[in-house]
Amino acid sequence: NEHVSDGFFFTVGYGSMPSSDLVAALLRY
């Protein structure tokens, strides 16, 4: 329940797309 500050890394998701599928899809772009 404490805000995580911005830094070197952060995390994002896209809908319910699995991590491996999202990595592969982003690499295509």
mmCIF file of all heavy atoms, coordinates in Angstrom:
data_MODEL
# 
_entry.id   MODEL 
# 
loop_
_atom_site.group_PDB 
_atom_site.id 
_atom_site.type_symbol 
_atom_site.label_atom_id 
_atom_site.label_alt_id 
_atom_site.label_comp_id 
_atom_site.label_asym_id 
_atom_site.label_entity_id 
_atom_site.label_seq_id 
_atom_site.pdbx_PDB_ins_code 
_atom_site.Cartn_x 
_atom_site.Cartn_y 
_atom_site.Cartn_z 
_atom_site.occupancy 
_atom_site.B_iso_or_equiv 
_atom_site.pdbx_formal_charge 
_atom_site.auth_seq_id 
_atom_site.auth_comp_id 
_atom_site.auth_asym_id 
_atom_site.auth_atom_id 
_atom_site.pdbx_PDB_model_num 
ATOM 1   N N   . ASN A 1 1  ? 0.783  -1.229  0.000   1.00 0.00 ? 1  ASN A N   1 
ATOM 2   C CA  . ASN A 1 1  ? 0.000  0.000   0.000   1.00 0.00 ? 1  ASN A CA  1 
ATOM 3   C C   . ASN A 1 1  ? 0.820  1.288   0.000   1.00 0.00 ? 1  ASN A C   1 
ATOM 4   O O   . ASN A 1 1  ? 0.286  2.361   0.240   1.00 0.00 ? 1  ASN A O   1 
ATOM 5   C CB  . ASN A 1 1  ? -0.996 0.023   1.175   1.00 0.00 ? 1  ASN A CB  1 
ATOM 6   C CG  . ASN A 1 1  ? -2.054 -1.038  1.005   1.00 0.00 ? 1  ASN A CG  1 
ATOM 7   O OD1 . ASN A 1 1  ? -2.478 -1.321  -0.111  1.00 0.00 ? 1  ASN A OD1 1 
ATOM 8   N ND2 . ASN A 1 1  ? -2.462 -1.651  2.104   1.00 0.00 ? 1  ASN A ND2 1 
ATOM 9   N N   . GLU A 1 2  ? 2.115  1.197   -0.250  1.00 0.00 ? 2  GLU A N   1 
ATOM 10  C CA  . GLU A 1 2  ? 2.950  2.390   -0.374  1.00 0.00 ? 2  GLU A CA  1 
ATOM 11  C C   . GLU A 1 2  ? 3.355  2.543   -1.829  1.00 0.00 ? 2  GLU A C   1 
ATOM 12  O O   . GLU A 1 2  ? 3.738  1.573   -2.480  1.00 0.00 ? 2  GLU A O   1 
ATOM 13  C CB  . GLU A 1 2  ? 4.187  2.295   0.516   1.00 0.00 ? 2  GLU A CB  1 
ATOM 14  C CG  . GLU A 1 2  ? 3.841  2.382   1.993   1.00 0.00 ? 2  GLU A CG  1 
ATOM 15  C CD  . GLU A 1 2  ? 5.074  2.441   2.872   1.00 0.00 ? 2  GLU A CD  1 
ATOM 16  O OE1 . GLU A 1 2  ? 6.093  3.016   2.423   1.00 0.00 ? 2  GLU A OE1 1 
ATOM 17  O OE2 . GLU A 1 2  ? 5.011  1.928   3.984   1.00 0.00 ? 2  GLU A OE2 1 
ATOM 18  N N   . HIS A 1 3  ? 3.290  3.782   -2.338  1.00 0.00 ? 3  HIS A N   1 
ATOM 19  C CA  . HIS A 1 3  ? 3.625  4.077   -3.725  1.00 0.00 ? 3  HIS A CA  1 
ATOM 20  C C   . HIS A 1 3  ? 5.079  3.718   -4.016  1.00 0.00 ? 3  HIS A C   1 
ATOM 21  O O   . HIS A 1 3  ? 5.964  4.002   -3.224  1.00 0.00 ? 3  HIS A O   1 
ATOM 22  C CB  . HIS A 1 3  ? 3.388  5.564   -4.006  1.00 0.00 ? 3  HIS A CB  1 
ATOM 23  C CG  . HIS A 1 3  ? 3.758  5.977   -5.388  1.00 0.00 ? 3  HIS A CG  1 
ATOM 24  N ND1 . HIS A 1 3  ? 3.012  5.623   -6.488  1.00 0.00 ? 3  HIS A ND1 1 
ATOM 25  C CD2 . HIS A 1 3  ? 4.799  6.689   -5.843  1.00 0.00 ? 3  HIS A CD2 1 
ATOM 26  C CE1 . HIS A 1 3  ? 3.587  6.110   -7.574  1.00 0.00 ? 3  HIS A CE1 1 
ATOM 27  N NE2 . HIS A 1 3  ? 4.672  6.768   -7.203  1.00 0.00 ? 3  HIS A NE2 1 
ATOM 28  N N   . VAL A 1 4  ? 5.323  3.088   -5.157  1.00 0.00 ? 4  VAL A N   1 
ATOM 29  C CA  . VAL A 1 4  ? 6.677  2.782   -5.611  1.00 0.00 ? 4  VAL A CA  1 
ATOM 30  C C   . VAL A 1 4  ? 7.124  3.924   -6.506  1.00 0.00 ? 4  VAL A C   1 
ATOM 31  O O   . VAL A 1 4  ? 6.448  4.273   -7.469  1.00 0.00 ? 4  VAL A O   1 
ATOM 32  C CB  . VAL A 1 4  ? 6.705  1.444   -6.398  1.00 0.00 ? 4  VAL A CB  1 
ATOM 33  C CG1 . VAL A 1 4  ? 8.096  1.182   -6.961  1.00 0.00 ? 4  VAL A CG1 1 
ATOM 34  C CG2 . VAL A 1 4  ? 6.263  0.292   -5.509  1.00 0.00 ? 4  VAL A CG2 1 
ATOM 35  N N   . SER A 1 5  ? 8.265  4.508   -6.191  1.00 0.00 ? 5  SER A N   1 
ATOM 36  C CA  . SER A 1 5  ? 8.722  5.673   -6.958  1.00 0.00 ? 5  SER A CA  1 
ATOM 37  C C   . SER A 1 5  ? 9.315  5.253   -8.296  1.00 0.00 ? 5  SER A C   1 
ATOM 38  O O   . SER A 1 5  ? 9.677  4.101   -8.505  1.00 0.00 ? 5  SER A O   1 
ATOM 39  C CB  . SER A 1 5  ? 9.756  6.450   -6.149  1.00 0.00 ? 5  SER A CB  1 
ATOM 40  O OG  . SER A 1 5  ? 10.915 5.661   -5.961  1.00 0.00 ? 5  SER A OG  1 
ATOM 41  N N   . ASP A 1 6  ? 9.381  6.218   -9.207  1.00 0.00 ? 6  ASP A N   1 
ATOM 42  C CA  . ASP A 1 6  ? 9.988  5.975   -10.513 1.00 0.00 ? 6  ASP A CA  1 
ATOM 43  C C   . ASP A 1 6  ? 11.494 5.864   -10.355 1.00 0.00 ? 6  ASP A C   1 
ATOM 44  O O   . ASP A 1 6  ? 12.100 6.538   -9.550  1.00 0.00 ? 6  ASP A O   1 
ATOM 45  C CB  . ASP A 1 6  ? 9.662  7.124   -11.466 1.00 0.00 ? 6  ASP A CB  1 
ATOM 46  C CG  . ASP A 1 6  ? 8.199  7.139   -11.855 1.00 0.00 ? 6  ASP A CG  1 
ATOM 47  O OD1 . ASP A 1 6  ? 7.553  6.085   -11.753 1.00 0.00 ? 6  ASP A OD1 1 
ATOM 48  O OD2 . ASP A 1 6  ? 7.707  8.199   -12.271 1.00 0.00 ? 6  ASP A OD2 1 
ATOM 49  N N   . GLY A 1 7  ? 12.059 4.999   -11.171 1.00 0.00 ? 7  GLY A N   1 
ATOM 50  C CA  . GLY A 1 7  ? 13.505 4.815   -11.145 1.00 0.00 ? 7  GLY A CA  1 
ATOM 51  C C   . GLY A 1 7  ? 13.997 4.179   -12.425 1.00 0.00 ? 7  GLY A C   1 
ATOM 52  O O   . GLY A 1 7  ? 13.379 4.316   -13.476 1.00 0.00 ? 7  GLY A O   1 
ATOM 53  N N   . PHE A 1 8  ? 15.071 3.481   -12.335 1.00 0.00 ? 8  PHE A N   1 
ATOM 54  C CA  . PHE A 1 8  ? 15.737 2.866   -13.472 1.00 0.00 ? 8  PHE A CA  1 
ATOM 55  C C   . PHE A 1 8  ? 14.833 1.885   -14.220 1.00 0.00 ? 8  PHE A C   1 
ATOM 56  O O   . PHE A 1 8  ? 14.840 1.821   -15.439 1.00 0.00 ? 8  PHE A O   1 
ATOM 57  C CB  . PHE A 1 8  ? 16.970 2.150   -12.922 1.00 0.00 ? 8  PHE A CB  1 
ATOM 58  C CG  . PHE A 1 8  ? 17.975 1.747   -13.936 1.00 0.00 ? 8  PHE A CG  1 
ATOM 59  C CD1 . PHE A 1 8  ? 18.765 2.702   -14.556 1.00 0.00 ? 8  PHE A CD1 1 
ATOM 60  C CD2 . PHE A 1 8  ? 18.165 0.419   -14.251 1.00 0.00 ? 8  PHE A CD2 1 
ATOM 61  C CE1 . PHE A 1 8  ? 19.721 2.329   -15.487 1.00 0.00 ? 8  PHE A CE1 1 
ATOM 62  C CE2 . PHE A 1 8  ? 19.117 0.046   -15.168 1.00 0.00 ? 8  PHE A CE2 1 
ATOM 63  C CZ  . PHE A 1 8  ? 19.899 1.003   -15.788 1.00 0.00 ? 8  PHE A CZ  1 
ATOM 64  N N   . PHE A 1 9  ? 14.058 1.111   -13.484 1.00 0.00 ? 9  PHE A N   1 
ATOM 65  C CA  . PHE A 1 9  ? 13.126 0.138   -14.047 1.00 0.00 ? 9  PHE A CA  1 
ATOM 66  C C   . PHE A 1 9  ? 11.712 0.429   -13.564 1.00 0.00 ? 9  PHE A C   1 
ATOM 67  O O   . PHE A 1 9  ? 11.526 0.989   -12.489 1.00 0.00 ? 9  PHE A O   1 
ATOM 68  C CB  . PHE A 1 9  ? 13.445 -1.285  -13.559 1.00 0.00 ? 9  PHE A CB  1 
ATOM 69  C CG  . PHE A 1 9  ? 14.719 -1.850  -14.064 1.00 0.00 ? 9  PHE A CG  1 
ATOM 70  C CD1 . PHE A 1 9  ? 15.822 -1.945  -13.239 1.00 0.00 ? 9  PHE A CD1 1 
ATOM 71  C CD2 . PHE A 1 9  ? 14.817 -2.325  -15.355 1.00 0.00 ? 9  PHE A CD2 1 
ATOM 72  C CE1 . PHE A 1 9  ? 17.000 -2.496  -13.695 1.00 0.00 ? 9  PHE A CE1 1 
ATOM 73  C CE2 . PHE A 1 9  ? 15.989 -2.877  -15.825 1.00 0.00 ? 9  PHE A CE2 1 
ATOM 74  C CZ  . PHE A 1 9  ? 17.091 -2.960  -14.990 1.00 0.00 ? 9  PHE A CZ  1 
ATOM 75  N N   . PHE A 1 10 ? 10.733 -0.012  -14.332 1.00 0.00 ? 10 PHE A N   1 
ATOM 76  C CA  . PHE A 1 10 ? 9.354  -0.082  -13.865 1.00 0.00 ? 10 PHE A CA  1 
ATOM 77  C C   . PHE A 1 10 ? 8.689  -1.214  -14.629 1.00 0.00 ? 10 PHE A C   1 
ATOM 78  O O   . PHE A 1 10 ? 9.260  -1.792  -15.545 1.00 0.00 ? 10 PHE A O   1 
ATOM 79  C CB  . PHE A 1 10 ? 8.608  1.258   -14.008 1.00 0.00 ? 10 PHE A CB  1 
ATOM 80  C CG  . PHE A 1 10 ? 8.431  1.718   -15.425 1.00 0.00 ? 10 PHE A CG  1 
ATOM 81  C CD1 . PHE A 1 10 ? 7.304  1.348   -16.157 1.00 0.00 ? 10 PHE A CD1 1 
ATOM 82  C CD2 . PHE A 1 10 ? 9.371  2.524   -16.032 1.00 0.00 ? 10 PHE A CD2 1 
ATOM 83  C CE1 . PHE A 1 10 ? 7.136  1.770   -17.463 1.00 0.00 ? 10 PHE A CE1 1 
ATOM 84  C CE2 . PHE A 1 10 ? 9.207  2.961   -17.333 1.00 0.00 ? 10 PHE A CE2 1 
ATOM 85  C CZ  . PHE A 1 10 ? 8.087  2.573   -18.052 1.00 0.00 ? 10 PHE A CZ  1 
ATOM 86  N N   . THR A 1 11 ? 7.483  -1.564  -14.230 1.00 0.00 ? 11 THR A N   1 
ATOM 87  C CA  . THR A 1 11 ? 6.815  -2.734  -14.804 1.00 0.00 ? 11 THR A CA  1 
ATOM 88  C C   . THR A 1 11 ? 5.483  -2.347  -15.426 1.00 0.00 ? 11 THR A C   1 
ATOM 89  O O   . THR A 1 11 ? 4.750  -1.532  -14.873 1.00 0.00 ? 11 THR A O   1 
ATOM 90  C CB  . THR A 1 11 ? 6.574  -3.802  -13.726 1.00 0.00 ? 11 THR A CB  1 
ATOM 91  O OG1 . THR A 1 11 ? 5.807  -3.218  -12.666 1.00 0.00 ? 11 THR A OG1 1 
ATOM 92  C CG2 . THR A 1 11 ? 7.877  -4.345  -13.174 1.00 0.00 ? 11 THR A CG2 1 
ATOM 93  N N   . VAL A 1 12 ? 5.190  -2.942  -16.586 1.00 0.00 ? 12 VAL A N   1 
ATOM 94  C CA  . VAL A 1 12 ? 3.915  -2.717  -17.254 1.00 0.00 ? 12 VAL A CA  1 
ATOM 95  C C   . VAL A 1 12 ? 3.353  -4.034  -17.750 1.00 0.00 ? 12 VAL A C   1 
ATOM 96  O O   . VAL A 1 12 ? 4.080  -4.990  -17.983 1.00 0.00 ? 12 VAL A O   1 
ATOM 97  C CB  . VAL A 1 12 ? 4.030  -1.738  -18.456 1.00 0.00 ? 12 VAL A CB  1 
ATOM 98  C CG1 . VAL A 1 12 ? 4.419  -0.347  -17.996 1.00 0.00 ? 12 VAL A CG1 1 
ATOM 99  C CG2 . VAL A 1 12 ? 4.968  -2.250  -19.513 1.00 0.00 ? 12 VAL A CG2 1 
ATOM 100 N N   . GLY A 1 13 ? 2.038  -4.047  -17.906 1.00 0.00 ? 13 GLY A N   1 
ATOM 101 C CA  . GLY A 1 13 ? 1.345  -5.171  -18.508 1.00 0.00 ? 13 GLY A CA  1 
ATOM 102 C C   . GLY A 1 13 ? 0.373  -4.655  -19.552 1.00 0.00 ? 13 GLY A C   1 
ATOM 103 O O   . GLY A 1 13 ? 0.091  -3.452  -19.609 1.00 0.00 ? 13 GLY A O   1 
ATOM 104 N N   . TYR A 1 14 ? -0.137 -5.576  -20.358 1.00 0.00 ? 14 TYR A N   1 
ATOM 105 C CA  . TYR A 1 14 ? -1.100 -5.203  -21.384 1.00 0.00 ? 14 TYR A CA  1 
ATOM 106 C C   . TYR A 1 14 ? -2.251 -6.181  -21.322 1.00 0.00 ? 14 TYR A C   1 
ATOM 107 O O   . TYR A 1 14 ? -2.120 -7.340  -21.734 1.00 0.00 ? 14 TYR A O   1 
ATOM 108 C CB  . TYR A 1 14 ? -0.441 -5.221  -22.769 1.00 0.00 ? 14 TYR A CB  1 
ATOM 109 C CG  . TYR A 1 14 ? -1.293 -4.584  -23.836 1.00 0.00 ? 14 TYR A CG  1 
ATOM 110 C CD1 . TYR A 1 14 ? -1.362 -3.203  -23.935 1.00 0.00 ? 14 TYR A CD1 1 
ATOM 111 C CD2 . TYR A 1 14 ? -2.048 -5.353  -24.706 1.00 0.00 ? 14 TYR A CD2 1 
ATOM 112 C CE1 . TYR A 1 14 ? -2.151 -2.597  -24.901 1.00 0.00 ? 14 TYR A CE1 1 
ATOM 113 C CE2 . TYR A 1 14 ? -2.838 -4.755  -25.679 1.00 0.00 ? 14 TYR A CE2 1 
ATOM 114 C CZ  . TYR A 1 14 ? -2.888 -3.383  -25.773 1.00 0.00 ? 14 TYR A CZ  1 
ATOM 115 O OH  . TYR A 1 14 ? -3.679 -2.789  -26.725 1.00 0.00 ? 14 TYR A OH  1 
ATOM 116 N N   . GLY A 1 15 ? -3.359 -5.721  -20.763 1.00 0.00 ? 15 GLY A N   1 
ATOM 117 C CA  . GLY A 1 15 ? -4.509 -6.612  -20.572 1.00 0.00 ? 15 GLY A CA  1 
ATOM 118 C C   . GLY A 1 15 ? -4.079 -7.812  -19.760 1.00 0.00 ? 15 GLY A C   1 
ATOM 119 O O   . GLY A 1 15 ? -3.397 -7.692  -18.759 1.00 0.00 ? 15 GLY A O   1 
ATOM 120 N N   . SER A 1 16 ? -4.452 -9.000  -20.235 1.00 0.00 ? 16 SER A N   1 
ATOM 121 C CA  . SER A 1 16 ? -4.044 -10.227 -19.544 1.00 0.00 ? 16 SER A CA  1 
ATOM 122 C C   . SER A 1 16 ? -3.005 -10.987 -20.363 1.00 0.00 ? 16 SER A C   1 
ATOM 123 O O   . SER A 1 16 ? -2.813 -12.179 -20.161 1.00 0.00 ? 16 SER A O   1 
ATOM 124 C CB  . SER A 1 16 ? -5.269 -11.110 -19.280 1.00 0.00 ? 16 SER A CB  1 
ATOM 125 O OG  . SER A 1 16 ? -5.883 -11.452 -20.520 1.00 0.00 ? 16 SER A OG  1 
ATOM 126 N N   . MET A 1 17 ? -2.327 -10.286 -21.273 1.00 0.00 ? 17 MET A N   1 
ATOM 127 C CA  . MET A 1 17 ? -1.328 -10.929 -22.125 1.00 0.00 ? 17 MET A CA  1 
ATOM 128 C C   . MET A 1 17 ? -0.198 -11.499 -21.267 1.00 0.00 ? 17 MET A C   1 
ATOM 129 O O   . MET A 1 17 ? 0.383  -10.785 -20.453 1.00 0.00 ? 17 MET A O   1 
ATOM 130 C CB  . MET A 1 17 ? -0.765 -9.911  -23.130 1.00 0.00 ? 17 MET A CB  1 
ATOM 131 C CG  . MET A 1 17 ? 0.140  -10.541 -24.176 1.00 0.00 ? 17 MET A CG  1 
ATOM 132 S SD  . MET A 1 17 ? 0.800  -9.321  -25.364 1.00 0.00 ? 17 MET A SD  1 
ATOM 133 C CE  . MET A 1 17 ? -0.619 -9.114  -26.425 1.00 0.00 ? 17 MET A CE  1 
ATOM 134 N N   . PRO A 1 18 ? 0.104  -12.799 -21.434 1.00 0.00 ? 18 PRO A N   1 
ATOM 135 C CA  . PRO A 1 18 ? 1.204  -13.403 -20.667 1.00 0.00 ? 18 PRO A CA  1 
ATOM 136 C C   . PRO A 1 18 ? 2.540  -12.716 -20.955 1.00 0.00 ? 18 PRO A C   1 
ATOM 137 O O   . PRO A 1 18 ? 2.775  -12.198 -22.049 1.00 0.00 ? 18 PRO A O   1 
ATOM 138 C CB  . PRO A 1 18 ? 1.227  -14.858 -21.163 1.00 0.00 ? 18 PRO A CB  1 
ATOM 139 C CG  . PRO A 1 18 ? -0.138 -15.095 -21.728 1.00 0.00 ? 18 PRO A CG  1 
ATOM 140 C CD  . PRO A 1 18 ? -0.587 -13.768 -22.277 1.00 0.00 ? 18 PRO A CD  1 
ATOM 141 N N   . SER A 1 19 ? 3.407  -12.735 -19.979 1.00 0.00 ? 19 SER A N   1 
ATOM 142 C CA  . SER A 1 19 ? 4.705  -12.054 -20.074 1.00 0.00 ? 19 SER A CA  1 
ATOM 143 C C   . SER A 1 19 ? 5.485  -12.428 -21.328 1.00 0.00 ? 19 SER A C   1 
ATOM 144 O O   . SER A 1 19 ? 5.981  -11.555 -22.040 1.00 0.00 ? 19 SER A O   1 
ATOM 145 C CB  . SER A 1 19 ? 5.550  -12.371 -18.839 1.00 0.00 ? 19 SER A CB  1 
ATOM 146 O OG  . SER A 1 19 ? 4.941  -11.879 -17.677 1.00 0.00 ? 19 SER A OG  1 
ATOM 147 N N   . SER A 1 20 ? 5.607  -13.720 -21.594 1.00 0.00 ? 20 SER A N   1 
ATOM 148 C CA  . SER A 1 20 ? 6.412  -14.149 -22.750 1.00 0.00 ? 20 SER A CA  1 
ATOM 149 C C   . SER A 1 20 ? 5.796  -13.678 -24.065 1.00 0.00 ? 20 SER A C   1 
ATOM 150 O O   . SER A 1 20 ? 6.518  -13.282 -24.987 1.00 0.00 ? 20 SER A O   1 
ATOM 151 C CB  . SER A 1 20 ? 6.584  -15.668 -22.755 1.00 0.00 ? 20 SER A CB  1 
ATOM 152 O OG  . SER A 1 20 ? 5.318  -16.301 -22.780 1.00 0.00 ? 20 SER A OG  1 
ATOM 153 N N   . ASP A 1 21 ? 4.471  -13.691 -24.158 1.00 0.00 ? 21 ASP A N   1 
ATOM 154 C CA  . ASP A 1 21 ? 3.807  -13.204 -25.366 1.00 0.00 ? 21 ASP A CA  1 
ATOM 155 C C   . ASP A 1 21 ? 4.008  -11.702 -25.530 1.00 0.00 ? 21 ASP A C   1 
ATOM 156 O O   . ASP A 1 21 ? 4.211  -11.207 -26.641 1.00 0.00 ? 21 ASP A O   1 
ATOM 157 C CB  . ASP A 1 21 ? 2.302  -13.509 -25.329 1.00 0.00 ? 21 ASP A CB  1 
ATOM 158 C CG  . ASP A 1 21 ? 2.000  -14.991 -25.410 1.00 0.00 ? 21 ASP A CG  1 
ATOM 159 O OD1 . ASP A 1 21 ? 2.921  -15.792 -25.693 1.00 0.00 ? 21 ASP A OD1 1 
ATOM 160 O OD2 . ASP A 1 21 ? 0.827  -15.353 -25.186 1.00 0.00 ? 21 ASP A OD2 1 
ATOM 161 N N   . LEU A 1 22 ? 3.967  -10.973 -24.414 1.00 0.00 ? 22 LEU A N   1 
ATOM 162 C CA  . LEU A 1 22 ? 4.140  -9.522  -24.467 1.00 0.00 ? 22 LEU A CA  1 
ATOM 163 C C   . LEU A 1 22 ? 5.562  -9.160  -24.900 1.00 0.00 ? 22 LEU A C   1 
ATOM 164 O O   . LEU A 1 22 ? 5.743  -8.275  -25.732 1.00 0.00 ? 22 LEU A O   1 
ATOM 165 C CB  . LEU A 1 22 ? 3.801  -8.894  -23.117 1.00 0.00 ? 22 LEU A CB  1 
ATOM 166 C CG  . LEU A 1 22 ? 3.841  -7.369  -23.032 1.00 0.00 ? 22 LEU A CG  1 
ATOM 167 C CD1 . LEU A 1 22 ? 2.983  -6.727  -24.106 1.00 0.00 ? 22 LEU A CD1 1 
ATOM 168 C CD2 . LEU A 1 22 ? 3.400  -6.915  -21.643 1.00 0.00 ? 22 LEU A CD2 1 
ATOM 169 N N   . VAL A 1 23 ? 6.558  -9.860  -24.360 1.00 0.00 ? 23 VAL A N   1 
ATOM 170 C CA  . VAL A 1 23 ? 7.940  -9.607  -24.773 1.00 0.00 ? 23 VAL A CA  1 
ATOM 171 C C   . VAL A 1 23 ? 8.086  -9.831  -26.272 1.00 0.00 ? 23 VAL A C   1 
ATOM 172 O O   . VAL A 1 23 ? 8.646  -9.000  -26.995 1.00 0.00 ? 23 VAL A O   1 
ATOM 173 C CB  . VAL A 1 23 ? 8.937  -10.496 -23.996 1.00 0.00 ? 23 VAL A CB  1 
ATOM 174 C CG1 . VAL A 1 23 ? 10.321 -10.460 -24.631 1.00 0.00 ? 23 VAL A CG1 1 
ATOM 175 C CG2 . VAL A 1 23 ? 9.023  -10.068 -22.553 1.00 0.00 ? 23 VAL A CG2 1 
ATOM 176 N N   . ALA A 1 24 ? 7.571  -10.972 -26.762 1.00 0.00 ? 24 ALA A N   1 
ATOM 177 C CA  . ALA A 1 24 ? 7.675  -11.300 -28.190 1.00 0.00 ? 24 ALA A CA  1 
ATOM 178 C C   . ALA A 1 24 ? 6.955  -10.257 -29.047 1.00 0.00 ? 24 ALA A C   1 
ATOM 179 O O   . ALA A 1 24 ? 7.472  -9.830  -30.086 1.00 0.00 ? 24 ALA A O   1 
ATOM 180 C CB  . ALA A 1 24 ? 7.108  -12.695 -28.455 1.00 0.00 ? 24 ALA A CB  1 
ATOM 181 N N   . ALA A 1 25 ? 5.771  -9.838  -28.615 1.00 0.00 ? 25 ALA A N   1 
ATOM 182 C CA  . ALA A 1 25 ? 5.005  -8.852  -29.383 1.00 0.00 ? 25 ALA A CA  1 
ATOM 183 C C   . ALA A 1 25 ? 5.722  -7.503  -29.414 1.00 0.00 ? 25 ALA A C   1 
ATOM 184 O O   . ALA A 1 25 ? 5.817  -6.871  -30.475 1.00 0.00 ? 25 ALA A O   1 
ATOM 185 C CB  . ALA A 1 25 ? 3.609  -8.696  -28.783 1.00 0.00 ? 25 ALA A CB  1 
ATOM 186 N N   . LEU A 1 26 ? 6.244  -7.059  -28.290 1.00 0.00 ? 26 LEU A N   1 
ATOM 187 C CA  . LEU A 1 26 ? 6.954  -5.776  -28.245 1.00 0.00 ? 26 LEU A CA  1 
ATOM 188 C C   . LEU A 1 26 ? 8.212  -5.812  -29.115 1.00 0.00 ? 26 LEU A C   1 
ATOM 189 O O   . LEU A 1 26 ? 8.538  -4.820  -29.771 1.00 0.00 ? 26 LEU A O   1 
ATOM 190 C CB  . LEU A 1 26 ? 7.300  -5.403  -26.806 1.00 0.00 ? 26 LEU A CB  1 
ATOM 191 C CG  . LEU A 1 26 ? 6.131  -4.955  -25.936 1.00 0.00 ? 26 LEU A CG  1 
ATOM 192 C CD1 . LEU A 1 26 ? 6.554  -4.837  -24.473 1.00 0.00 ? 26 LEU A CD1 1 
ATOM 193 C CD2 . LEU A 1 26 ? 5.535  -3.649  -26.420 1.00 0.00 ? 26 LEU A CD2 1 
ATOM 194 N N   . LEU A 1 27 ? 8.898  -6.937  -29.122 1.00 0.00 ? 27 LEU A N   1 
ATOM 195 C CA  . LEU A 1 27 ? 10.105 -7.043  -29.950 1.00 0.00 ? 27 LEU A CA  1 
ATOM 196 C C   . LEU A 1 27 ? 9.789  -6.852  -31.426 1.00 0.00 ? 27 LEU A C   1 
ATOM 197 O O   . LEU A 1 27 ? 10.601 -6.301  -32.172 1.00 0.00 ? 27 LEU A O   1 
ATOM 198 C CB  . LEU A 1 27 ? 10.786 -8.395  -29.726 1.00 0.00 ? 27 LEU A CB  1 
ATOM 199 C CG  . LEU A 1 27 ? 11.626 -8.498  -28.459 1.00 0.00 ? 27 LEU A CG  1 
ATOM 200 C CD1 . LEU A 1 27 ? 12.099 -9.939  -28.249 1.00 0.00 ? 27 LEU A CD1 1 
ATOM 201 C CD2 . LEU A 1 27 ? 12.794 -7.543  -28.497 1.00 0.00 ? 27 LEU A CD2 1 
ATOM 202 N N   . ARG A 1 28 ? 8.605  -7.279  -31.857 1.00 0.00 ? 28 ARG A N   1 
ATOM 203 C CA  . ARG A 1 28 ? 8.209  -7.082  -33.255 1.00 0.00 ? 28 ARG A CA  1 
ATOM 204 C C   . ARG A 1 28 ? 8.102  -5.599  -33.612 1.00 0.00 ? 28 ARG A C   1 
ATOM 205 O O   . ARG A 1 28 ? 8.130  -5.239  -34.780 1.00 0.00 ? 28 ARG A O   1 
ATOM 206 C CB  . ARG A 1 28 ? 6.884  -7.786  -33.528 1.00 0.00 ? 28 ARG A CB  1 
ATOM 207 C CG  . ARG A 1 28 ? 6.999  -9.288  -33.538 1.00 0.00 ? 28 ARG A CG  1 
ATOM 208 C CD  . ARG A 1 28 ? 5.683  -9.951  -33.936 1.00 0.00 ? 28 ARG A CD  1 
ATOM 209 N NE  . ARG A 1 28 ? 5.702  -11.326 -33.538 1.00 0.00 ? 28 ARG A NE  1 
ATOM 210 C CZ  . ARG A 1 28 ? 5.042  -11.835 -32.497 1.00 0.00 ? 28 ARG A CZ  1 
ATOM 211 N NH1 . ARG A 1 28 ? 4.278  -11.054 -31.753 1.00 0.00 ? 28 ARG A NH1 1 
ATOM 212 N NH2 . ARG A 1 28 ? 5.140  -13.110 -32.194 1.00 0.00 ? 28 ARG A NH2 1 
ATOM 213 N N   . TYR A 1 29 ? 7.955  -4.746  -32.601 1.00 0.00 ? 29 TYR A N   1 
ATOM 214 C CA  . TYR A 1 29 ? 7.854  -3.295  -32.816 1.00 0.00 ? 29 TYR A CA  1 
ATOM 215 C C   . TYR A 1 29 ? 9.145  -2.577  -32.412 1.00 0.00 ? 29 TYR A C   1 
ATOM 216 O O   . TYR A 1 29 ? 9.171  -1.359  -32.286 1.00 0.00 ? 29 TYR A O   1 
ATOM 217 C CB  . TYR A 1 29 ? 6.655  -2.737  -32.047 1.00 0.00 ? 29 TYR A CB  1 
ATOM 218 C CG  . TYR A 1 29 ? 5.362  -3.274  -32.601 1.00 0.00 ? 29 TYR A CG  1 
ATOM 219 C CD1 . TYR A 1 29 ? 4.867  -4.503  -32.181 1.00 0.00 ? 29 TYR A CD1 1 
ATOM 220 C CD2 . TYR A 1 29 ? 4.669  -2.586  -33.592 1.00 0.00 ? 29 TYR A CD2 1 
ATOM 221 C CE1 . TYR A 1 29 ? 3.707  -5.027  -32.723 1.00 0.00 ? 29 TYR A CE1 1 
ATOM 222 C CE2 . TYR A 1 29 ? 3.513  -3.103  -34.143 1.00 0.00 ? 29 TYR A CE2 1 
ATOM 223 C CZ  . TYR A 1 29 ? 3.039  -4.321  -33.707 1.00 0.00 ? 29 TYR A CZ  1 
ATOM 224 O OH  . TYR A 1 29 ? 1.902  -4.846  -34.256 1.00 0.00 ? 29 TYR A OH  1 
# 
